Amino acid sequence: MFNLKAVERDRFDADISRMALVARVSTATVPALTKGKEIEGFYVLQVVLKRKDYDSKNILMLQKLIPQKLIFVL
């Protein structure tokens, strides 16, 4: 799916156990919100880490690879 180098895959596998989109926050899901000028909504991505001293490059990589507005729950 993503063309990652072996080093990137290994680093990712060492830090991240699983991921799940747990919510979409928008006017459709939370009626009390008003539509923003630039952002209509965002997703909440739960990332289960294998260790506390994870490499922050993995989160930055996810941000670049997933073309959505995201909030990360680590």
Protein backbone atom coordinates (compact mmCIF):
# COMPACT_ATOMS: atom_id res chain seq x y z
CA MET A 1 0.00 0.00 0.00
CA PHE A 2 2.62 2.52 1.07
CA ASN A 3 6.04 2.29 -0.50
CA LEU A 4 8.14 2.27 2.64
CA LYS A 5 11.81 1.42 2.84
CA ALA A 6 12.72 -1.63 4.91
CA VAL A 7 14.23 0.59 7.62
CA GLU A 8 11.00 2.63 7.86
CA ARG A 9 8.88 -0.55 8.08
CA ASP A 10 11.11 -2.00 10.78
CA ARG A 11 11.03 1.23 12.80
CA PHE A 12 7.25 1.38 12.44
CA ASP A 13 6.80 -2.27 13.45
CA ALA A 14 9.04 -1.76 16.49
CA ASP A 15 6.86 1.08 17.81
CA ILE A 16 3.28 0.61 16.68
CA SER A 17 1.06 -2.29 17.68
CA ARG A 18 -2.15 -1.24 15.90
CA MET A 19 -4.14 1.70 14.62
CA ALA A 20 -7.85 2.39 14.32
CA LEU A 21 -9.97 5.28 13.13
CA VAL A 22 -12.23 5.67 16.14
CA ALA A 23 -14.26 8.74 15.24
CA ARG A 24 -15.08 11.37 12.67
CA VAL A 25 -15.77 14.78 14.16
CA SER A 26 -17.87 17.04 11.94
CA THR A 27 -21.19 18.85 11.90
CA ALA A 28 -22.80 15.57 10.79
CA THR A 29 -21.54 13.69 13.86
CA VAL A 30 -21.63 16.53 16.40
CA PRO A 31 -24.56 18.81 15.51
CA ALA A 32 -23.48 21.51 18.01
CA LEU A 33 -20.38 22.23 15.89
CA THR A 34 -20.35 24.81 13.16
CA LYS A 35 -18.58 24.26 9.87
CA GLY A 36 -15.13 25.87 9.77
CA LYS A 37 -13.79 28.01 6.94
CA GLU A 38 -10.92 25.65 6.19
CA ILE A 39 -11.76 22.38 7.95
CA GLU A 40 -15.16 20.70 7.76
CA GLY A 41 -14.17 17.84 10.03
CA PHE A 42 -11.38 15.56 11.18
CA TYR A 43 -10.72 11.95 12.14
CA VAL A 44 -9.49 10.60 15.46
CA LEU A 45 -6.80 7.96 14.91
CA GLN A 46 -6.00 5.73 17.88
CA VAL A 47 -2.41 4.49 17.75
CA VAL A 48 -1.47 1.76 20.22
CA LEU A 49 2.25 1.97 20.92
CA LYS A 50 4.49 -0.92 21.91
CA ARG A 51 6.80 1.28 23.98
CA LYS A 52 6.86 4.66 25.69
CA ASP A 53 10.07 5.81 24.01
CA TYR A 54 8.65 5.54 20.47
CA ASP A 55 10.26 7.29 17.51
CA SER A 56 8.20 10.41 16.71
CA LYS A 57 9.19 10.00 13.04
CA ASN A 58 6.57 7.25 12.85
CA ILE A 59 3.76 9.65 13.75
CA LEU A 60 5.08 12.24 11.30
CA MET A 61 5.19 9.54 8.61
CA LEU A 62 1.53 8.64 9.30
CA GLN A 63 0.61 12.30 9.03
CA LYS A 64 2.21 12.46 5.57
CA LEU A 65 0.88 9.12 4.32
CA ILE A 66 -2.77 9.60 5.32
CA PRO A 67 -4.29 12.52 3.37
CA GLN A 68 -6.89 13.43 6.01
CA LYS A 69 -7.10 15.87 8.89
CA LEU A 70 -6.19 13.75 11.93
CA ILE A 71 -5.98 13.93 15.69
CA PHE A 72 -3.68 11.24 17.08
CA VAL A 73 -4.54 9.46 20.33
CA LEU A 74 -1.38 7.71 21.48
